[in-house]
Amino acid sequence: MTLFAKTGIRRKELIAVDVDVIDWVEQSIRLKPTAKRTNRTVFFDDETSFILRRWLRVRESRNKDQVMALFINNRGERIQRSGVSRMVEKVATQVGLHDPNSERMEDHFSPHCCRHWFTTHLRRAGMPREFIQELRGDVRKEAIDIYDHIDRKELRESYLAHIPQLGI
């Protein structure tokens, strides 16, 4: 859930992450190519690093078949779409963001809501729009965007300056 909220990645991208694509020094993850994403690198902060390292210790005891997937289920297999949804809905219900019995759309919290949360918090914290687009992997279509190359170091520094701390 934290990786969703702090990176803005899509559910399919989260499922596809393998352990060996995590750069612990730069605190980044290299995502697999998809049709929807232009930028394949996402960053994470110290808080997320702490949580991921803790998860890796739990994961180790479940990973009898040496699966490369970062997130595995109780059987040691790569987590599936439904498992991600259940996990997000369970946590969201615990904190009062999801009501599975409600018919109102605004009472439901899905994995995609984390992408909205990520975008909204970066924007409200004052991050430049083009940096948010780059982190989200959105296509920048205007002519100026073609010539405006965003420096990876500058993007990472801006990310770390704007991403909110969850107090975990």
N, C-alpha and C. Protein backbone atom coordinates (compact mmCIF):
# COMPACT_ATOMS: atom_id res chain seq x y z
N MET A 1 0.84 -1.19 0.00
CA MET A 1 0.00 0.00 0.00
C MET A 1 0.88 1.25 0.00
N THR A 2 1.94 1.21 0.79
CA THR A 2 2.84 2.36 0.86
C THR A 2 3.53 2.59 -0.47
N LEU A 3 3.96 1.52 -1.11
CA LEU A 3 4.62 1.68 -2.41
C LEU A 3 3.66 2.28 -3.43
N PHE A 4 2.41 1.87 -3.41
CA PHE A 4 1.38 2.48 -4.26
C PHE A 4 1.29 3.98 -4.00
N ALA A 5 1.09 4.32 -2.75
CA ALA A 5 0.86 5.72 -2.38
C ALA A 5 2.06 6.61 -2.64
N LYS A 6 3.25 6.08 -2.47
CA LYS A 6 4.45 6.90 -2.57
C LYS A 6 5.09 6.91 -3.95
N THR A 7 4.57 6.09 -4.88
CA THR A 7 5.14 6.08 -6.24
C THR A 7 4.12 6.39 -7.32
N GLY A 8 2.85 6.20 -7.04
CA GLY A 8 1.83 6.44 -8.05
C GLY A 8 1.79 5.38 -9.14
N ILE A 9 2.40 4.22 -8.91
CA ILE A 9 2.40 3.19 -9.94
C ILE A 9 1.03 2.53 -10.05
N ARG A 10 0.81 1.93 -11.18
CA ARG A 10 -0.44 1.22 -11.43
C ARG A 10 -0.38 -0.19 -10.83
N ARG A 11 -1.53 -0.79 -10.63
CA ARG A 11 -1.60 -2.15 -10.06
C ARG A 11 -0.79 -3.13 -10.89
N LYS A 12 -0.94 -3.09 -12.20
CA LYS A 12 -0.22 -4.02 -13.08
C LYS A 12 1.29 -3.83 -12.95
N GLU A 13 1.72 -2.58 -12.78
CA GLU A 13 3.15 -2.29 -12.62
C GLU A 13 3.66 -2.84 -11.28
N LEU A 14 2.86 -2.70 -10.23
CA LEU A 14 3.23 -3.21 -8.91
C LEU A 14 3.39 -4.73 -8.95
N ILE A 15 2.46 -5.40 -9.58
CA ILE A 15 2.49 -6.86 -9.68
C ILE A 15 3.75 -7.33 -10.41
N ALA A 16 4.19 -6.58 -11.40
CA ALA A 16 5.33 -6.98 -12.24
C ALA A 16 6.69 -6.68 -11.63
N VAL A 17 6.76 -5.94 -10.54
CA VAL A 17 8.05 -5.57 -9.95
C VAL A 17 8.76 -6.80 -9.39
N ASP A 18 10.03 -6.95 -9.77
CA ASP A 18 10.88 -8.01 -9.25
C ASP A 18 11.89 -7.41 -8.27
N VAL A 19 12.40 -8.23 -7.39
CA VAL A 19 13.34 -7.78 -6.37
C VAL A 19 14.60 -7.18 -6.99
N ASP A 20 15.06 -7.74 -8.09
CA ASP A 20 16.34 -7.32 -8.67
C ASP A 20 16.30 -5.99 -9.42
N VAL A 21 15.13 -5.35 -9.50
CA VAL A 21 15.06 -4.04 -10.18
C VAL A 21 15.03 -2.88 -9.19
N ILE A 22 15.21 -3.20 -7.91
CA ILE A 22 15.24 -2.17 -6.89
C ILE A 22 16.67 -1.69 -6.72
N ASP A 23 16.88 -0.38 -6.84
CA ASP A 23 18.18 0.23 -6.60
C ASP A 23 18.11 0.86 -5.21
N TRP A 24 18.72 0.19 -4.23
CA TRP A 24 18.63 0.64 -2.84
C TRP A 24 19.45 1.89 -2.58
N VAL A 25 20.51 2.12 -3.35
CA VAL A 25 21.34 3.31 -3.18
C VAL A 25 20.60 4.55 -3.66
N GLU A 26 20.05 4.47 -4.87
CA GLU A 26 19.32 5.60 -5.45
C GLU A 26 17.87 5.64 -4.99
N GLN A 27 17.43 4.59 -4.32
CA GLN A 27 16.05 4.43 -3.88
C GLN A 27 15.10 4.62 -5.06
N SER A 28 15.28 3.74 -6.02
CA SER A 28 14.44 3.77 -7.21
C SER A 28 14.11 2.36 -7.65
N ILE A 29 13.08 2.27 -8.48
CA ILE A 29 12.65 0.99 -9.04
C ILE A 29 12.51 1.19 -10.55
N ARG A 30 13.08 0.27 -11.30
CA ARG A 30 12.98 0.29 -12.76
C ARG A 30 11.81 -0.60 -13.15
N LEU A 31 10.74 0.01 -13.63
CA LEU A 31 9.53 -0.73 -14.01
C LEU A 31 9.70 -1.37 -15.38
N LYS A 32 8.95 -2.44 -15.58
CA LYS A 32 8.94 -3.08 -16.89
C LYS A 32 8.19 -2.19 -17.87
N PRO A 33 8.57 -2.23 -19.14
CA PRO A 33 7.90 -1.37 -20.13
C PRO A 33 6.42 -1.71 -20.26
N THR A 34 5.60 -0.67 -20.37
CA THR A 34 4.17 -0.84 -20.64
C THR A 34 3.75 0.20 -21.66
N ALA A 35 2.62 -0.05 -22.28
CA ALA A 35 2.10 0.89 -23.28
C ALA A 35 1.67 2.21 -22.65
N LYS A 36 1.29 2.19 -21.38
CA LYS A 36 0.77 3.39 -20.74
C LYS A 36 1.84 4.27 -20.09
N ARG A 37 3.05 3.75 -19.90
CA ARG A 37 4.06 4.49 -19.14
C ARG A 37 5.21 4.93 -20.03
N THR A 38 5.59 6.22 -19.91
CA THR A 38 6.72 6.74 -20.66
C THR A 38 8.00 6.68 -19.83
N ASN A 39 7.92 7.02 -18.56
CA ASN A 39 9.07 7.01 -17.67
C ASN A 39 9.05 5.71 -16.88
N ARG A 40 10.13 4.93 -16.94
CA ARG A 40 10.12 3.63 -16.27
C ARG A 40 10.74 3.65 -14.88
N THR A 41 11.30 4.78 -14.45
CA THR A 41 11.92 4.85 -13.14
C THR A 41 11.02 5.58 -12.17
N VAL A 42 10.78 4.97 -11.01
CA VAL A 42 10.06 5.63 -9.93
C VAL A 42 10.97 5.64 -8.71
N PHE A 43 10.80 6.64 -7.88
CA PHE A 43 11.61 6.80 -6.69
C PHE A 43 10.81 6.47 -5.45
N PHE A 44 11.52 6.16 -4.36
CA PHE A 44 10.87 5.99 -3.07
C PHE A 44 11.75 6.64 -2.01
N ASP A 45 11.16 6.93 -0.88
CA ASP A 45 11.86 7.63 0.18
C ASP A 45 12.31 6.67 1.28
N ASP A 46 12.91 7.22 2.34
CA ASP A 46 13.42 6.40 3.44
C ASP A 46 12.32 5.61 4.13
N GLU A 47 11.16 6.24 4.28
CA GLU A 47 10.03 5.56 4.91
C GLU A 47 9.63 4.31 4.12
N THR A 48 9.54 4.44 2.82
CA THR A 48 9.20 3.31 1.96
C THR A 48 10.31 2.27 1.97
N SER A 49 11.55 2.72 1.98
CA SER A 49 12.69 1.81 2.04
C SER A 49 12.62 0.95 3.29
N PHE A 50 12.31 1.55 4.42
CA PHE A 50 12.19 0.83 5.68
C PHE A 50 11.11 -0.26 5.58
N ILE A 51 9.96 0.12 5.02
CA ILE A 51 8.85 -0.83 4.90
C ILE A 51 9.18 -1.95 3.92
N LEU A 52 9.81 -1.62 2.78
CA LEU A 52 10.19 -2.64 1.80
C LEU A 52 11.20 -3.62 2.39
N ARG A 53 12.17 -3.13 3.13
CA ARG A 53 13.18 -4.01 3.74
C ARG A 53 12.52 -4.94 4.76
N ARG A 54 11.57 -4.41 5.51
CA ARG A 54 10.84 -5.23 6.47
C ARG A 54 10.04 -6.31 5.73
N TRP A 55 9.39 -5.93 4.63
CA TRP A 55 8.63 -6.89 3.83
C TRP A 55 9.55 -7.99 3.27
N LEU A 56 10.75 -7.62 2.84
CA LEU A 56 11.67 -8.60 2.27
C LEU A 56 12.04 -9.69 3.28
N ARG A 57 12.11 -9.33 4.55
CA ARG A 57 12.37 -10.33 5.59
C ARG A 57 11.19 -11.31 5.71
N VAL A 58 9.97 -10.79 5.64
CA VAL A 58 8.77 -11.64 5.69
C VAL A 58 8.71 -12.51 4.43
N ARG A 59 8.96 -11.87 3.30
CA ARG A 59 8.90 -12.53 2.00
C ARG A 59 9.85 -13.72 1.94
N GLU A 60 11.03 -13.57 2.54
CA GLU A 60 12.04 -14.62 2.52
C GLU A 60 11.51 -15.94 3.08
N SER A 61 10.74 -15.87 4.13
CA SER A 61 10.20 -17.10 4.74
C SER A 61 9.11 -17.75 3.89
N ARG A 62 8.49 -16.99 3.01
CA ARG A 62 7.43 -17.52 2.14
C ARG A 62 7.95 -17.99 0.78
N ASN A 63 9.14 -17.56 0.43
CA ASN A 63 9.63 -17.73 -0.93
C ASN A 63 10.46 -19.01 -1.09
N LYS A 64 9.82 -20.14 -0.94
CA LYS A 64 10.50 -21.44 -1.03
C LYS A 64 11.02 -21.73 -2.44
N ASP A 65 10.31 -21.23 -3.46
CA ASP A 65 10.69 -21.52 -4.85
C ASP A 65 11.58 -20.44 -5.47
N GLN A 66 12.07 -19.53 -4.64
CA GLN A 66 12.97 -18.47 -5.12
C GLN A 66 12.35 -17.64 -6.25
N VAL A 67 11.09 -17.27 -6.09
CA VAL A 67 10.38 -16.43 -7.06
C VAL A 67 11.00 -15.03 -7.01
N MET A 68 11.18 -14.40 -8.17
CA MET A 68 11.80 -13.07 -8.23
C MET A 68 10.83 -11.94 -7.91
N ALA A 69 9.53 -12.20 -7.94
CA ALA A 69 8.52 -11.17 -7.70
C ALA A 69 8.73 -10.51 -6.34
N LEU A 70 8.62 -9.20 -6.29
CA LEU A 70 8.74 -8.48 -5.03
C LEU A 70 7.60 -8.86 -4.10
N PHE A 71 6.40 -8.88 -4.63
CA PHE A 71 5.23 -9.19 -3.81
C PHE A 71 4.70 -10.57 -4.15
N ILE A 72 4.71 -11.43 -3.13
CA ILE A 72 4.22 -12.80 -3.30
C ILE A 72 3.11 -13.05 -2.30
N ASN A 73 2.29 -14.04 -2.62
CA ASN A 73 1.18 -14.39 -1.72
C ASN A 73 1.65 -15.43 -0.70
N ASN A 74 0.73 -15.93 0.09
CA ASN A 74 1.06 -16.91 1.14
C ASN A 74 1.59 -18.23 0.58
N ARG A 75 1.29 -18.51 -0.68
CA ARG A 75 1.77 -19.74 -1.31
C ARG A 75 3.13 -19.56 -1.98
N GLY A 76 3.67 -18.34 -1.91
CA GLY A 76 4.98 -18.07 -2.51
C GLY A 76 4.93 -17.77 -3.99
N GLU A 77 3.75 -17.44 -4.51
CA GLU A 77 3.59 -17.11 -5.93
C GLU A 77 3.44 -15.60 -6.09
N ARG A 78 3.75 -15.10 -7.28
CA ARG A 78 3.56 -13.67 -7.56
C ARG A 78 2.13 -13.29 -7.23
N ILE A 79 1.96 -12.19 -6.51
CA ILE A 79 0.63 -11.73 -6.14
C ILE A 79 -0.15 -11.38 -7.42
N GLN A 80 -1.44 -11.64 -7.38
CA GLN A 80 -2.30 -11.39 -8.54
C GLN A 80 -3.15 -10.14 -8.33
N ARG A 81 -3.82 -9.75 -9.39
CA ARG A 81 -4.67 -8.56 -9.39
C ARG A 81 -5.68 -8.57 -8.24
N SER A 82 -6.36 -9.68 -8.05
CA SER A 82 -7.37 -9.76 -7.00
C SER A 82 -6.75 -9.67 -5.61
N GLY A 83 -5.56 -10.23 -5.45
CA GLY A 83 -4.86 -10.14 -4.16
C GLY A 83 -4.48 -8.73 -3.81
N VAL A 84 -4.06 -7.97 -4.80
CA VAL A 84 -3.71 -6.56 -4.58
C VAL A 84 -4.96 -5.79 -4.18
N SER A 85 -6.05 -6.01 -4.89
CA SER A 85 -7.31 -5.32 -4.57
C SER A 85 -7.78 -5.64 -3.16
N ARG A 86 -7.72 -6.92 -2.80
CA ARG A 86 -8.14 -7.32 -1.44
C ARG A 86 -7.28 -6.65 -0.38
N MET A 87 -5.97 -6.60 -0.60
CA MET A 87 -5.06 -5.99 0.36
C MET A 87 -5.37 -4.50 0.54
N VAL A 88 -5.53 -3.79 -0.57
CA VAL A 88 -5.81 -2.35 -0.51
C VAL A 88 -7.16 -2.10 0.16
N GLU A 89 -8.17 -2.86 -0.22
CA GLU A 89 -9.50 -2.67 0.38
C GLU A 89 -9.49 -3.00 1.87
N LYS A 90 -8.74 -4.01 2.27
CA LYS A 90 -8.66 -4.38 3.69
C LYS A 90 -8.04 -3.23 4.50
N VAL A 91 -6.93 -2.72 4.04
CA VAL A 91 -6.26 -1.63 4.75
C VAL A 91 -7.13 -0.37 4.73
N ALA A 92 -7.70 -0.06 3.58
CA ALA A 92 -8.56 1.12 3.46
C ALA A 92 -9.79 1.01 4.36
N THR A 93 -10.33 -0.18 4.52
CA THR A 93 -11.47 -0.39 5.42
C THR A 93 -11.04 -0.14 6.86
N GLN A 94 -9.87 -0.64 7.23
CA GLN A 94 -9.36 -0.48 8.60
C GLN A 94 -9.19 1.00 8.99
N VAL A 95 -8.82 1.83 8.02
CA VAL A 95 -8.61 3.25 8.34
C VAL A 95 -9.81 4.12 7.97
N GLY A 96 -10.91 3.49 7.54
CA GLY A 96 -12.14 4.22 7.28
C GLY A 96 -12.26 4.86 5.91
N LEU A 97 -11.45 4.40 4.95
CA LEU A 97 -11.52 4.96 3.59
C LEU A 97 -12.35 4.11 2.64
N HIS A 98 -12.76 2.93 3.08
CA HIS A 98 -13.48 2.02 2.18
C HIS A 98 -14.65 1.39 2.92
N ASP A 99 -15.82 1.47 2.31
CA ASP A 99 -17.01 0.83 2.86
C ASP A 99 -17.55 -0.13 1.80
N PRO A 100 -17.23 -1.41 1.92
CA PRO A 100 -17.64 -2.36 0.90
C PRO A 100 -19.16 -2.52 0.77
N ASN A 101 -19.91 -2.11 1.79
CA ASN A 101 -21.36 -2.26 1.75
C ASN A 101 -22.08 -1.05 1.15
N SER A 102 -21.34 0.01 0.90
CA SER A 102 -21.95 1.22 0.35
C SER A 102 -22.12 1.12 -1.16
N GLU A 103 -23.19 1.71 -1.64
CA GLU A 103 -23.42 1.77 -3.09
C GLU A 103 -22.81 3.03 -3.68
N ARG A 104 -22.40 3.96 -2.82
CA ARG A 104 -21.82 5.23 -3.29
C ARG A 104 -20.36 5.03 -3.72
N MET A 105 -20.04 5.47 -4.91
CA MET A 105 -18.71 5.32 -5.46
C MET A 105 -17.64 5.97 -4.57
N GLU A 106 -17.96 7.12 -4.00
CA GLU A 106 -16.99 7.85 -3.18
C GLU A 106 -16.67 7.16 -1.85
N ASP A 107 -17.41 6.11 -1.52
CA ASP A 107 -17.15 5.35 -0.29
C ASP A 107 -16.25 4.14 -0.54
N HIS A 108 -15.77 4.00 -1.77
CA HIS A 108 -14.92 2.87 -2.12
C HIS A 108 -13.50 3.35 -2.38
N PHE A 109 -12.52 2.53 -1.99
CA PHE A 109 -11.11 2.86 -2.18
C PHE A 109 -10.44 1.69 -2.88
N SER A 110 -9.90 1.95 -4.05
CA SER A 110 -9.27 0.91 -4.87
C SER A 110 -7.78 1.19 -5.01
N PRO A 111 -7.03 0.26 -5.58
CA PRO A 111 -5.60 0.53 -5.83
C PRO A 111 -5.38 1.80 -6.65
N HIS A 112 -6.28 2.08 -7.59
CA HIS A 112 -6.11 3.28 -8.42
C HIS A 112 -6.26 4.57 -7.61
N CYS A 113 -6.97 4.52 -6.51
CA CYS A 113 -7.12 5.71 -5.65
C CYS A 113 -5.76 6.16 -5.10
N CYS A 114 -4.84 5.21 -4.93
CA CYS A 114 -3.50 5.58 -4.46
C CYS A 114 -2.78 6.47 -5.48
N ARG A 115 -3.03 6.22 -6.75
CA ARG A 115 -2.44 7.06 -7.81
C ARG A 115 -3.00 8.48 -7.74
N HIS A 116 -4.29 8.59 -7.45
CA HIS A 116 -4.90 9.91 -7.27
C HIS A 116 -4.31 10.60 -6.05
N TRP A 117 -4.15 9.85 -4.96
CA TRP A 117 -3.59 10.40 -3.72
C TRP A 117 -2.19 10.93 -3.97
N PHE A 118 -1.35 10.14 -4.65
CA PHE A 118 0.02 10.51 -4.98
C PHE A 118 0.05 11.83 -5.76
N THR A 119 -0.73 11.89 -6.80
CA THR A 119 -0.78 13.08 -7.65
C THR A 119 -1.26 14.30 -6.88
N THR A 120 -2.32 14.16 -6.14
CA THR A 120 -2.91 15.27 -5.39
C THR A 120 -1.93 15.81 -4.35
N HIS A 121 -1.28 14.93 -3.62
CA HIS A 121 -0.35 15.38 -2.58
C HIS A 121 0.87 16.08 -3.16
N LEU A 122 1.41 15.58 -4.26
CA LEU A 122 2.55 16.25 -4.88
C LEU A 122 2.15 17.63 -5.40
N ARG A 123 0.98 17.70 -6.01
CA ARG A 123 0.51 18.99 -6.54
C ARG A 123 0.29 19.99 -5.41
N ARG A 124 -0.37 19.55 -4.33
CA ARG A 124 -0.63 20.44 -3.19
C ARG A 124 0.65 20.85 -2.47
N ALA A 125 1.69 20.02 -2.56
CA ALA A 125 2.97 20.34 -1.92
C ALA A 125 3.80 21.28 -2.79
N GLY A 126 3.31 21.58 -4.00
CA GLY A 126 3.98 22.56 -4.85
C GLY A 126 4.93 21.99 -5.88
N MET A 127 4.90 20.69 -6.12
CA MET A 127 5.78 20.13 -7.14
C MET A 127 5.34 20.60 -8.53
N PRO A 128 6.29 20.97 -9.39
CA PRO A 128 5.94 21.40 -10.75
C PRO A 128 5.17 20.31 -11.50
N ARG A 129 4.19 20.75 -12.25
CA ARG A 129 3.30 19.83 -12.98
C ARG A 129 4.07 18.86 -13.88
N GLU A 130 5.08 19.35 -14.58
CA GLU A 130 5.82 18.47 -15.49
C GLU A 130 6.60 17.39 -14.74
N PHE A 131 7.01 17.67 -13.51
CA PHE A 131 7.68 16.65 -12.70
C PHE A 131 6.68 15.58 -12.28
N ILE A 132 5.47 16.01 -11.92
CA ILE A 132 4.43 15.05 -11.54
C ILE A 132 4.11 14.16 -12.74
N GLN A 133 3.97 14.76 -13.91
CA GLN A 133 3.70 13.98 -15.11
C GLN A 133 4.81 12.96 -15.37
N GLU A 134 6.05 13.37 -15.18
CA GLU A 134 7.18 12.48 -15.40
C GLU A 134 7.16 11.32 -14.41
N LEU A 135 6.93 11.61 -13.14
CA LEU A 135 6.88 10.55 -12.12
C LEU A 135 5.72 9.59 -12.37
N ARG A 136 4.60 10.10 -12.85
CA ARG A 136 3.44 9.25 -13.14
C ARG A 136 3.62 8.45 -14.43
N GLY A 137 4.58 8.87 -15.26
CA GLY A 137 4.80 8.20 -16.53
C GLY A 137 3.83 8.65 -17.60
N ASP A 138 3.22 9.82 -17.40
CA ASP A 138 2.26 10.35 -18.36
C ASP A 138 2.98 10.90 -19.60
N VAL A 139 2.31 10.82 -20.72
CA VAL A 139 2.83 11.40 -21.95
C VAL A 139 2.68 12.92 -21.88
N ARG A 140 3.78 13.61 -22.14
CA ARG A 140 3.72 15.07 -22.21
C ARG A 140 3.67 15.42 -23.69
N LYS A 141 2.55 16.00 -24.14
CA LYS A 141 2.27 16.11 -25.57
C LYS A 141 2.56 17.46 -26.21
N GLU A 142 2.72 18.49 -25.43
CA GLU A 142 2.91 19.81 -26.03
C GLU A 142 4.31 19.94 -26.61
N ALA A 143 4.48 20.82 -27.59
CA ALA A 143 5.76 21.00 -28.29
C ALA A 143 6.90 21.29 -27.31
N ILE A 144 6.65 22.12 -26.32
CA ILE A 144 7.71 22.46 -25.37
C ILE A 144 8.19 21.23 -24.60
N ASP A 145 7.29 20.28 -24.38
CA ASP A 145 7.64 19.07 -23.64
C ASP A 145 8.67 18.22 -24.37
N ILE A 146 8.65 18.26 -25.68
CA ILE A 146 9.58 17.48 -26.49
C ILE A 146 11.02 17.96 -26.25
N TYR A 147 11.18 19.27 -26.02
CA TYR A 147 12.50 19.85 -25.87
C TYR A 147 12.92 20.03 -24.42
N ASP A 148 11.99 19.86 -23.51
CA ASP A 148 12.27 20.04 -22.08
C ASP A 148 12.63 18.69 -21.48
N HIS A 149 13.91 18.45 -21.31
CA HIS A 149 14.39 17.18 -20.76
C HIS A 149 14.57 17.32 -19.26
N ILE A 150 13.88 16.48 -18.52
CA ILE A 150 13.93 16.54 -17.06
C ILE A 150 15.09 15.69 -16.57
N ASP A 151 15.97 16.33 -15.80
CA ASP A 151 17.14 15.68 -15.25
C ASP A 151 16.73 14.71 -14.14
N ARG A 152 17.23 13.50 -14.20
CA ARG A 152 16.87 12.45 -13.23
C ARG A 152 17.21 12.86 -11.80
N LYS A 153 18.36 13.48 -11.60
CA LYS A 153 18.78 13.90 -10.26
C LYS A 153 17.84 14.98 -9.72
N GLU A 154 17.51 15.93 -10.57
CA GLU A 154 16.59 17.01 -10.18
C GLU A 154 15.19 16.45 -9.87
N LEU A 155 14.76 15.49 -10.66
CA LEU A 155 13.46 14.86 -10.46
C LEU A 155 13.42 14.13 -9.12
N ARG A 156 14.47 13.37 -8.82
CA ARG A 156 14.55 12.63 -7.55
C ARG A 156 14.55 13.59 -6.36
N GLU A 157 15.33 14.67 -6.45
CA GLU A 157 15.41 15.65 -5.35
C GLU A 157 14.05 16.32 -5.13
N SER A 158 13.37 16.63 -6.21
CA SER A 158 12.05 17.24 -6.10
C SER A 158 11.06 16.25 -5.48
N TYR A 159 11.15 14.99 -5.91
CA TYR A 159 10.28 13.96 -5.34
C TYR A 159 10.48 13.89 -3.82
N LEU A 160 11.71 13.77 -3.38
CA LEU A 160 12.01 13.64 -1.95
C LEU A 160 11.58 14.88 -1.17
N ALA A 161 11.63 16.04 -1.80
CA ALA A 161 11.23 17.28 -1.14
C ALA A 161 9.72 17.41 -1.01
N HIS A 162 8.96 16.74 -1.87
CA HIS A 162 7.51 16.93 -1.91
C HIS A 162 6.68 15.75 -1.42
N ILE A 163 7.25 14.55 -1.37
CA ILE A 163 6.44 13.40 -0.98
C ILE A 163 6.15 13.46 0.52
N PRO A 164 4.90 13.31 0.90
CA PRO A 164 4.56 13.42 2.33
C PRO A 164 5.00 12.19 3.12
N GLN A 165 5.29 12.41 4.37
CA GLN A 165 5.64 11.32 5.27
C GLN A 165 4.35 10.79 5.92
N LEU A 166 4.24 9.49 5.99
CA LEU A 166 3.03 8.87 6.53
C LEU A 166 3.15 8.57 8.02
N GLY A 167 4.36 8.67 8.55
CA GLY A 167 4.56 8.41 9.96
C GLY A 167 4.55 6.93 10.31
N ILE A 168 4.99 6.13 9.36
CA ILE A 168 4.99 4.67 9.55
C ILE A 168 6.28 4.25 10.23
